Protein backbone atom coordinates (compact mmCIF):
# COMPACT_ATOMS: atom_id res chain seq x y z
CA MET A 1 -12.40 -14.44 -99.00
CA THR A 2 -10.25 -11.22 -98.47
CA THR A 3 -10.99 -7.93 -99.36
CA GLU A 4 -9.08 -5.44 -100.60
CA SER A 5 -9.53 -1.77 -99.61
CA ILE A 6 -9.53 1.98 -101.34
CA VAL A 7 -8.55 3.91 -98.12
CA ILE A 8 -9.94 7.46 -98.19
CA LEU A 9 -8.21 9.89 -95.42
CA GLY A 10 -10.75 12.90 -94.36
CA GLY A 11 -14.47 12.57 -94.17
CA SER A 12 -15.31 16.14 -95.40
CA PHE A 13 -16.65 17.75 -98.59
CA ALA A 14 -13.52 15.69 -100.41
CA GLY A 15 -14.05 12.83 -98.78
CA LEU A 16 -17.43 12.21 -98.28
CA SER A 17 -17.54 12.80 -101.88
CA ALA A 18 -14.93 10.82 -103.15
CA ALA A 19 -16.41 7.67 -101.55
CA HIS A 20 -19.63 7.90 -103.20
CA TYR A 21 -17.37 8.11 -106.37
CA VAL A 22 -15.47 5.46 -106.01
CA ILE A 23 -18.12 2.97 -104.74
CA ARG A 24 -20.42 4.54 -107.44
CA HIS A 25 -17.65 4.59 -110.82
CA VAL A 26 -14.81 2.40 -109.95
CA LEU A 27 -15.46 -0.36 -107.46
CA PRO A 28 -17.87 -1.82 -110.18
CA GLN A 29 -15.60 -1.63 -112.98
CA LEU A 30 -12.47 -3.51 -111.43
CA PRO A 31 -11.17 -6.88 -112.48
CA LYS A 32 -12.72 -10.11 -111.24
CA LYS A 33 -10.34 -11.57 -109.17
CA ASP A 34 -11.97 -15.10 -107.33
CA GLY A 35 -11.26 -14.77 -103.40
CA THR A 36 -11.64 -11.31 -103.40
CA THR A 37 -13.45 -8.37 -103.06
CA TYR A 38 -12.80 -4.69 -102.66
CA ALA A 39 -14.37 -1.88 -100.65
CA VAL A 40 -13.59 1.70 -99.95
CA THR A 41 -12.71 2.57 -96.18
CA LEU A 42 -13.25 6.13 -94.93
CA VAL A 43 -11.30 7.09 -92.16
CA ASN A 44 -12.31 10.23 -90.36
CA PRO A 45 -11.90 11.33 -86.43
CA SER A 46 -15.33 12.35 -86.25
CA LYS A 47 -18.72 10.19 -87.05
CA ASP A 48 -20.19 13.38 -88.37
CA PHE A 49 -20.04 15.85 -91.21
CA TYR A 50 -20.39 19.01 -90.81
CA TRP A 51 -21.25 21.97 -92.74
CA ARG A 52 -18.38 24.26 -92.55
CA ILE A 53 -19.85 27.00 -94.95
CA ALA A 54 -22.02 27.73 -92.49
CA GLY A 55 -19.44 28.21 -89.88
CA PRO A 56 -19.67 32.11 -89.43
CA ARG A 57 -23.38 32.03 -88.64
CA ALA A 58 -23.49 28.62 -86.52
CA ILE A 59 -20.46 30.86 -83.93
CA VAL A 60 -23.18 33.43 -83.11
CA SER A 61 -26.38 31.93 -83.14
CA GLN A 62 -28.15 28.60 -82.29
CA GLU A 63 -31.24 29.88 -83.08
CA LEU A 64 -30.19 31.13 -86.46
CA MET A 65 -28.14 28.18 -86.97
CA PRO A 66 -29.34 24.95 -85.12
CA SER A 67 -26.63 22.76 -85.05
CA SER A 68 -29.22 20.09 -86.53
CA LYS A 69 -28.54 22.16 -89.73
CA TYR A 70 -24.72 21.42 -89.79
CA ILE A 71 -24.07 18.34 -88.43
CA TYR A 72 -24.72 14.99 -90.23
CA PRO A 73 -24.18 11.10 -89.00
CA ILE A 74 -21.69 9.77 -91.87
CA GLU A 75 -22.70 6.68 -91.96
CA PRO A 76 -26.30 6.45 -92.99
CA ALA A 77 -25.32 8.08 -96.00
CA PHE A 78 -23.62 4.81 -97.50
CA ALA A 79 -26.39 2.32 -96.56
CA TYR A 80 -26.90 2.00 -100.16
CA ALA A 81 -23.36 0.16 -100.19
CA LYS A 82 -24.00 -2.16 -97.95
CA ASP A 83 -20.09 -4.55 -97.62
CA GLN A 84 -18.80 -2.33 -100.46
CA PHE A 85 -18.29 0.76 -97.55
CA LYS A 86 -16.69 0.45 -93.76
CA PHE A 87 -15.98 3.19 -91.46
CA VAL A 88 -12.86 3.88 -89.46
CA GLN A 89 -13.70 7.27 -86.99
CA GLY A 90 -10.10 7.66 -85.60
CA THR A 91 -7.25 9.72 -86.41
CA ALA A 92 -4.64 8.77 -89.32
CA THR A 93 -1.18 9.37 -87.14
CA HIS A 94 1.31 7.48 -89.75
CA VAL A 95 1.44 6.19 -93.12
CA ASP A 96 3.46 3.13 -94.60
CA ALA A 97 4.36 4.16 -98.06
CA ALA A 98 6.68 0.91 -98.51
CA GLY A 99 4.01 -1.16 -96.86
CA GLN A 100 1.17 0.29 -98.26
CA THR A 101 -0.73 0.48 -94.94
CA VAL A 102 -2.30 3.41 -93.01
CA SER A 103 -1.57 3.61 -88.97
CA VAL A 104 -5.20 5.20 -86.73
CA THR A 105 -5.50 5.99 -83.54
CA THR A 106 -9.09 5.27 -82.44
CA PRO A 107 -10.75 7.55 -80.05
CA ASP A 108 -10.35 4.92 -77.20
CA ASN A 109 -6.85 5.05 -78.48
CA GLN A 110 -6.55 1.72 -79.55
CA GLN A 111 -3.86 1.59 -82.76
CA VAL A 112 -5.47 0.20 -85.49
CA GLN A 113 -3.06 -0.76 -89.14
CA ILE A 114 -5.55 -0.12 -92.43
CA PRO A 115 -3.99 -1.58 -95.84
CA TYR A 116 -4.61 -0.40 -98.66
CA ILE A 117 -4.21 -0.86 -102.94
CA ALA A 118 -4.66 3.10 -103.30
CA LEU A 119 -5.07 6.04 -101.29
CA VAL A 120 -6.72 9.12 -101.40
CA VAL A 121 -5.93 11.90 -99.42
CA ALA A 122 -8.58 14.37 -98.14
CA THR A 123 -7.55 15.74 -95.15
CA GLY A 124 -8.27 19.25 -95.69
CA VAL A 125 -7.73 21.53 -93.50
CA THR A 126 -7.56 22.59 -89.83
CA THR A 127 -8.30 26.63 -88.80
CA ALA A 128 -7.00 28.75 -86.48
CA SER A 129 -9.70 29.28 -84.57
CA PRO A 130 -11.32 26.02 -83.33
CA LEU A 131 -14.75 27.48 -83.72
CA PHE A 132 -14.61 26.59 -87.66
CA THR A 133 -13.08 23.41 -87.33
CA LEU A 134 -14.70 19.55 -86.11
CA LYS A 135 -12.03 17.74 -84.55
CA ALA A 136 -13.69 14.62 -83.17
CA ASP A 137 -17.16 14.68 -80.62
CA SER A 138 -19.65 16.98 -82.00
CA ALA A 139 -21.11 17.39 -78.78
CA ASP A 140 -17.83 19.08 -77.64
CA PHE A 141 -17.61 21.19 -81.42
CA VAL A 142 -21.28 22.35 -80.15
CA SER A 143 -20.24 23.14 -76.83
CA GLN A 144 -17.73 25.52 -77.94
CA LYS A 145 -20.20 27.78 -79.86
CA ALA A 146 -22.59 27.68 -77.24
CA ALA A 147 -19.30 29.06 -74.57
CA PHE A 148 -18.78 31.80 -77.60
CA GLN A 149 -22.09 32.83 -78.20
CA LYS A 150 -22.47 33.14 -74.19
CA ALA A 151 -19.58 35.54 -74.32
CA LEU A 152 -20.54 37.01 -77.04
CA ALA A 153 -23.87 38.57 -75.44
CA THR A 154 -22.05 40.80 -73.67
CA ALA A 155 -19.29 41.67 -75.49
CA LYS A 156 -18.68 45.64 -76.35
CA THR A 157 -15.34 45.20 -78.40
CA VAL A 158 -14.50 42.22 -80.76
CA VAL A 159 -11.51 42.13 -83.21
CA ILE A 160 -11.62 39.87 -85.86
CA GLY A 161 -8.21 38.45 -87.23
CA GLY A 162 -8.09 38.43 -91.39
CA GLY A 163 -9.56 39.84 -94.40
CA GLY A 164 -10.75 36.56 -96.14
CA PRO A 165 -14.09 35.36 -96.60
CA VAL A 166 -14.43 33.59 -92.95
CA ALA A 167 -13.41 36.45 -91.47
CA VAL A 168 -15.49 38.98 -93.61
CA GLU A 169 -18.77 36.28 -93.02
CA SER A 170 -18.01 36.44 -89.45
CA ALA A 171 -17.52 40.03 -88.81
CA GLY A 172 -20.70 40.14 -90.78
CA GLU A 173 -22.59 37.99 -88.39
CA ILE A 174 -21.33 39.20 -85.47
CA ALA A 175 -21.80 42.58 -85.84
CA GLU A 176 -25.28 42.37 -86.89
CA VAL A 177 -26.10 40.11 -83.81
CA LEU A 178 -24.66 42.81 -81.33
CA ASN A 179 -26.21 45.83 -83.40
CA GLY A 180 -28.98 44.61 -85.05
CA LYS A 181 -29.97 44.92 -88.49
CA PRO A 182 -29.57 48.19 -89.66
CA GLY A 183 -32.54 50.57 -92.20
CA TRP A 184 -32.31 48.67 -95.68
CA PHE A 185 -30.90 52.01 -96.86
CA ALA A 186 -28.82 52.78 -93.24
CA SER A 187 -25.49 53.37 -93.86
CA ALA A 188 -24.55 52.92 -90.40
CA PRO A 189 -26.55 50.81 -86.85
CA LYS A 190 -28.68 53.34 -85.10
CA ASN A 191 -27.99 52.33 -81.45
CA PRO A 192 -24.64 50.40 -82.01
CA LYS A 193 -24.26 48.48 -78.46
CA ALA A 194 -20.69 46.67 -79.51
CA LYS A 195 -17.45 48.27 -81.53
CA VAL A 196 -16.14 45.38 -84.36
CA THR A 197 -12.98 45.43 -86.01
CA VAL A 198 -11.36 43.32 -88.57
CA VAL A 199 -7.60 43.54 -89.16
CA SER A 200 -6.93 42.49 -92.66
CA GLY A 201 -2.68 41.82 -93.46
CA ASP A 202 -3.50 42.80 -96.74
CA LYS A 203 -4.74 46.49 -98.64
CA LYS A 204 -7.94 45.21 -99.19
CA LEU A 205 -10.61 42.59 -98.17
CA LEU A 206 -11.17 39.21 -99.87
CA PRO A 207 -8.23 39.69 -101.70
CA ILE A 208 -9.06 37.52 -104.68
CA LEU A 209 -11.93 39.48 -105.90
CA ARG A 210 -11.68 42.59 -107.63
CA GLU A 211 -10.89 45.57 -105.79
CA SER A 212 -14.38 47.71 -106.32
CA ILE A 213 -16.36 44.45 -104.82
CA SER A 214 -14.08 44.61 -101.57
CA ASN A 215 -14.94 47.99 -101.02
CA THR A 216 -18.48 47.18 -101.20
CA ALA A 217 -17.80 45.05 -98.46
CA GLU A 218 -16.55 47.10 -96.60
CA LYS A 219 -19.37 49.55 -96.80
CA TYR A 220 -21.86 46.56 -95.94
CA LEU A 221 -20.04 46.15 -92.97
CA ASN A 222 -19.67 49.77 -91.89
CA ARG A 223 -23.69 49.15 -91.95
CA LEU A 224 -23.25 47.00 -89.73
CA GLY A 225 -21.14 48.67 -87.50
CA ALA A 226 -17.77 47.21 -88.25
CA ASP A 227 -14.82 48.81 -88.98
CA VAL A 228 -11.60 47.42 -90.93
CA ILE A 229 -7.56 48.65 -90.37
CA TYR A 230 -5.47 47.66 -93.89
CA ASN A 231 -2.20 46.45 -93.87
CA THR A 232 -1.96 45.43 -90.45
CA LYS A 233 -1.48 41.50 -89.06
CA VAL A 234 -2.66 40.55 -86.02
CA VAL A 235 1.24 39.49 -84.59
CA GLY A 236 -0.09 37.73 -81.00
CA THR A 237 -2.33 37.91 -77.91
CA THR A 238 -2.43 37.89 -73.80
CA ILE A 239 -5.30 37.84 -71.31
CA GLU A 240 -5.01 40.81 -69.41
CA ASN A 241 -7.80 41.17 -66.54
CA GLY A 242 -10.32 39.13 -68.52
CA LYS A 243 -9.52 41.14 -71.93
CA THR A 244 -7.65 40.01 -74.46
CA ILE A 245 -4.91 41.87 -75.22
CA VAL A 246 -4.56 42.16 -79.54
CA LYS A 247 -1.06 43.38 -80.85
CA LEU A 248 -0.13 44.37 -84.03
CA SER A 249 2.00 44.51 -86.61
CA ASP A 250 2.37 48.26 -86.43
CA ASP A 251 3.11 48.04 -82.96
CA LYS A 252 -0.28 49.21 -81.60
CA THR A 253 -2.68 47.05 -79.57
CA ILE A 254 -6.30 46.21 -79.05
CA GLU A 255 -8.02 45.33 -75.89
CA ALA A 256 -11.19 43.39 -76.78
CA ASP A 257 -13.62 40.84 -74.94
CA ILE A 258 -13.50 38.80 -78.01
CA TYR A 259 -10.54 37.74 -80.70
CA LEU A 260 -11.75 35.92 -82.98
CA ASP A 261 -8.61 34.37 -85.18
CA ALA A 262 -9.66 33.77 -89.08
CA THR A 263 -6.40 34.14 -90.32
CA GLY A 264 -5.83 31.62 -92.43
CA VAL A 265 -5.63 27.35 -91.92
CA ARG A 266 -2.95 24.66 -92.12
CA PRO A 267 -2.71 22.06 -94.08
CA ASN A 268 -3.84 18.46 -92.49
CA THR A 269 -0.07 16.68 -93.36
CA SER A 270 1.59 16.10 -90.70
CA PHE A 271 1.47 12.48 -90.17
CA LEU A 272 1.84 12.10 -93.98
CA PRO A 273 6.07 10.96 -95.16
CA LYS A 274 7.52 13.92 -95.87
CA GLU A 275 8.42 13.53 -99.40
CA TRP A 276 4.85 13.64 -100.31
CA LEU A 277 4.37 17.31 -99.01
CA ASP A 278 5.78 20.58 -100.77
CA ASN A 279 7.19 23.23 -99.32
CA ARG A 280 3.46 24.40 -97.77
CA ASN A 281 3.03 21.46 -96.41
CA ARG A 282 0.09 20.56 -98.69
CA VAL A 283 0.21 17.04 -100.77
CA ALA A 284 2.58 17.77 -103.36
CA CYS A 285 1.36 16.27 -106.88
CA ASP A 286 0.96 16.37 -110.22
CA PRO A 287 -1.05 19.85 -111.47
CA LYS A 288 -2.71 17.76 -114.62
CA THR A 289 -3.45 14.19 -113.17
CA LEU A 290 -3.12 14.82 -109.32
CA ARG A 291 -1.54 11.92 -108.56
CA VAL A 292 1.40 11.71 -105.93
CA THR A 293 4.18 11.42 -107.59
CA ALA A 294 6.72 10.21 -104.68
CA SER A 295 4.18 6.90 -104.42
CA PRO A 296 2.45 4.24 -106.65
CA ARG A 297 -1.47 4.63 -106.45
CA VAL A 298 -2.14 7.80 -103.90
CA TYR A 299 -4.22 10.82 -104.50
CA ALA A 300 -5.17 13.99 -103.72
CA VAL A 301 -8.28 15.68 -103.78
CA GLY A 302 -9.58 19.13 -101.76
CA ASP A 303 -7.72 21.58 -100.17
CA VAL A 304 -5.13 19.47 -98.61
CA GLY A 305 -3.98 19.35 -102.38
CA SER A 306 -0.89 21.42 -104.20
CA TYR A 307 -3.06 22.06 -107.10
CA THR A 308 -6.20 23.92 -105.55
CA ARG A 309 -6.32 27.59 -104.17
CA GLY A 310 -9.52 25.91 -102.00
CA GLY A 311 -12.97 25.81 -102.16
CA VAL A 312 -15.53 23.10 -102.87
CA MET A 313 -16.87 24.23 -106.41
CA ASP A 314 -12.78 23.73 -106.98
CA GLN A 315 -13.40 20.12 -105.73
CA ALA A 316 -16.02 19.57 -107.60
CA ASN A 317 -13.70 19.32 -110.79
CA ALA A 318 -10.90 17.81 -109.60
CA LEU A 319 -12.05 14.88 -107.80
CA PRO A 320 -13.60 13.11 -110.49
CA VAL A 321 -10.02 13.77 -112.26
CA ALA A 322 -8.27 12.25 -109.68
CA LEU A 323 -10.70 8.80 -109.20
CA THR A 324 -11.04 8.29 -112.73
CA ASN A 325 -6.87 8.24 -113.35
CA LEU A 326 -7.35 5.86 -110.04
CA LYS A 327 -9.20 3.75 -111.67
CA THR A 328 -7.09 3.63 -114.29
CA ASP A 329 -3.79 3.17 -112.50
CA LEU A 330 -5.78 0.36 -110.24
CA ILE A 331 -7.38 -1.39 -113.61
CA ALA A 332 -3.56 -1.90 -114.82
CA HIS A 333 -2.27 -3.00 -111.35
CA LEU A 334 -4.69 -5.68 -111.18
CA SER A 335 -4.89 -6.99 -114.44
CA GLY A 336 -1.19 -6.25 -115.38
CA LYS A 337 -2.56 -4.39 -118.55
CA GLU A 338 -1.02 -1.13 -119.77
CA PRO A 339 -2.80 1.53 -118.26
CA GLY A 340 -5.59 3.41 -120.56
CA PRO A 341 -5.73 7.23 -120.97
CA ASP A 342 -5.09 9.87 -118.56
CA ARG A 343 -8.17 12.49 -117.14
CA HIS A 344 -6.75 15.77 -116.51
CA TYR A 345 -7.80 18.64 -114.26
CA THR A 346 -7.56 22.26 -115.45
CA ALA A 347 -7.63 24.82 -112.46
CA ASP A 348 -10.68 27.04 -113.21
CA LEU A 349 -8.63 30.65 -112.22
CA ARG A 350 -11.56 32.98 -113.20
CA GLU A 351 -12.87 35.07 -109.91
CA SER A 352 -15.34 33.30 -108.29
CA GLN A 353 -16.29 33.45 -104.55
CA ILE A 354 -19.57 34.07 -102.65
CA VAL A 355 -19.36 36.04 -98.95
CA PRO A 356 -22.88 36.97 -97.63
CA ILE A 357 -22.53 39.94 -95.12
CA GLY A 358 -24.70 39.84 -92.10
CA THR A 359 -28.81 38.54 -93.15
CA GLN A 360 -29.33 40.85 -96.07
CA LYS A 361 -26.87 41.98 -97.35
CA GLY A 362 -23.61 40.18 -99.96
CA VAL A 363 -20.92 40.30 -102.37
CA GLY A 364 -19.16 38.36 -104.38
CA ALA A 365 -18.14 37.02 -108.62
CA PHE A 366 -19.36 34.12 -109.82
CA GLY A 367 -17.10 32.44 -113.46
CA GLY A 368 -15.62 36.65 -113.64
CA ASN A 369 -19.14 37.96 -113.45
CA LYS A 370 -19.99 40.37 -110.52
CA VAL A 371 -22.79 38.97 -108.07
CA PRO A 372 -25.55 41.73 -107.10
CA SER A 373 -26.23 41.45 -103.50
CA GLN A 374 -29.71 40.25 -103.70
CA MET A 375 -28.28 37.38 -105.59
CA VAL A 376 -25.70 36.11 -102.89
CA TRP A 377 -28.40 36.59 -100.72
CA LEU A 378 -30.44 34.29 -102.54
CA ILE A 379 -27.54 31.57 -103.68
CA LYS A 380 -25.90 31.52 -100.05
CA GLY A 381 -26.71 33.96 -97.50
CA ARG A 382 -30.33 32.82 -96.54
CA ASP A 383 -28.81 29.57 -94.94
CA TYR A 384 -24.94 29.23 -95.82
CA MET A 385 -26.56 26.65 -99.14
CA ILE A 386 -27.42 24.14 -96.52
CA SER A 387 -31.24 23.49 -98.23
CA GLN A 388 -29.62 23.50 -101.42
CA LEU A 389 -26.46 21.23 -100.95
CA ALA A 390 -25.98 19.59 -97.70
CA GLN A 391 -27.68 16.74 -97.96
CA ALA A 392 -27.38 15.99 -101.65
CA THR A 393 -23.35 16.18 -100.58
CA LEU A 394 -23.79 13.96 -97.55
CA ASP A 395 -25.24 11.62 -100.46
CA GLY A 396 -23.46 12.06 -103.41
CA ALA A 397 -25.96 12.87 -105.34
CA GLY A 398 -23.57 14.50 -107.78
CA TYR A 399 -21.38 11.60 -108.36
CA LYS A 400 -24.64 9.62 -109.57
CA LYS A 401 -23.23 9.62 -113.39
CA GLU A 402 -19.36 9.84 -114.09
CA GLY A 403 -19.99 11.86 -116.80
CA LYS A 404 -18.31 12.64 -119.91
CA TRP A 405 -14.06 13.54 -120.40
CA LYS A 406 -11.45 13.69 -122.90
CA PRO A 407 -9.17 11.05 -123.24
CA GLU A 408 -5.48 12.49 -122.29
CA PRO A 409 -2.22 10.22 -123.81
CA ALA A 410 -1.06 8.35 -120.93
CA THR A 411 1.91 9.43 -118.81
CA ALA A 412 4.71 7.51 -116.76
CA LYS A 413 2.25 6.32 -113.59
CA VAL A 414 5.00 5.81 -110.90
CA GLY A 415 5.33 2.33 -109.83
CA LEU A 416 2.08 1.07 -110.99
CA SER A 417 3.56 -2.61 -110.49
CA SER A 418 4.83 -2.19 -107.39
CA GLY A 419 2.56 -3.29 -104.28
C-alpha cells in the first residue's frame, strides 16, 4: 500500500485551516485506486500553533496574556484524521518542481524529502521583530518575551517603528503597562512614567482606514502617553552605552531604552523556485483561481500569496477557493478526465480592520462601516479574539461543511497531466 500526499507548507492560520479542509472535503472525493491511499502532510518549523493576533499584548505582560492562551500544540487537533494526517516538524529548504518533492530540514538537522501530488504554500510572513514570529521552539519564544518584559518594566523611553495595526496595538499595550490606565474621560495619563513614541512613515496611522478613524487612534494613543511622528521612517539603530539610538529619515535621532520594530513583514518564500515568485517575493498565483501558474497542482493561501493584502478575514474567503480548485485539478489528474468548473476568488476590498488601543479603547471598521470603540473592545480588545476563535481555528471548526459556491467555466489548467 502506498500513500500519496497533499503537502501543506506552514502551520499557522492558513496552513492549519487548509489541512482540515483537505482532510474533510478533498480526500473523501478523490478517485479510489487499488493499493493507494491519500493523506495530508503538514510541515511546520514549530510543533505549536501561535495565535499571532495576540502578539501586541503577549509581548508586554505574561499576566495579561499567558503563553497558554496563545500557544497550542498542533497534532492533537488532527486526532480525528487517524491515518489521513502526518505532521512533520521542520523547515522547508527547497522545492523540486520537476520532481514534485519538498526538502525539509528537521530540528535535529536531518534532511527529509517529501513527495507531493499537490502542494499548498501557506508559509506566511516573518515580522521584523522576532517577538511577533514563532520560528521553531516555543520555550525560546516565550523566553524572548519574558526578557523584553523585564527590560520594559524599567524603560523610560520606548520607540516603535511603524504605523500599521501591530505598531498601534503594541504602542497602546506598552503605554498602558508603563503609564497606567487613564481616567475614562482623560486625554492624557495623570502621572506618566515613560515616553512612548510611534514613528510612522505615512501621513497617518492605519493606512487602510479613513483619516477620521486614524485621528481617533492617535487621540487614544495620546491618552495613554504615546505620541506619533509622521512622514518619517526609521533608517537604522545602534547601541551606545546600553541605549538604542534610533536614526530617522529626517537625519534626527531618538535615544531609547527600548526600540520595537513593527515596520512590516517579509514573505517566507526564499526556498521556492524563483519563477514561482512575483516582484515582492510573494507566490505569484492566478488572482481568481489561486493556482500557481508556473507549476502544476500548486496553490497559495494566506499572506504569502500575491492575490491578498493580508489578514485572516481575507484568508477565510480565499482558502475554500484554492482548495476547491485543488480538488478539481487533482481529480482530473488522477482520473484522466476533463476537469470540472473553477471556483473564483473575489477580493473584499471594503474598509475592514479592528485595532484595540490598550485594554479600554480601540478603533476600526468592518465591511466599510465604522466600528465604535466599545464594539472594538467586545470583538478584539478583551483578549484578541482568543476566547471566540483560537480553539475553533485550531480544530478547523469553520470548515466542517464545504459550503455552496458558484461554478465558473474552467480555464486552461497548467500541466494537469504531468507529474
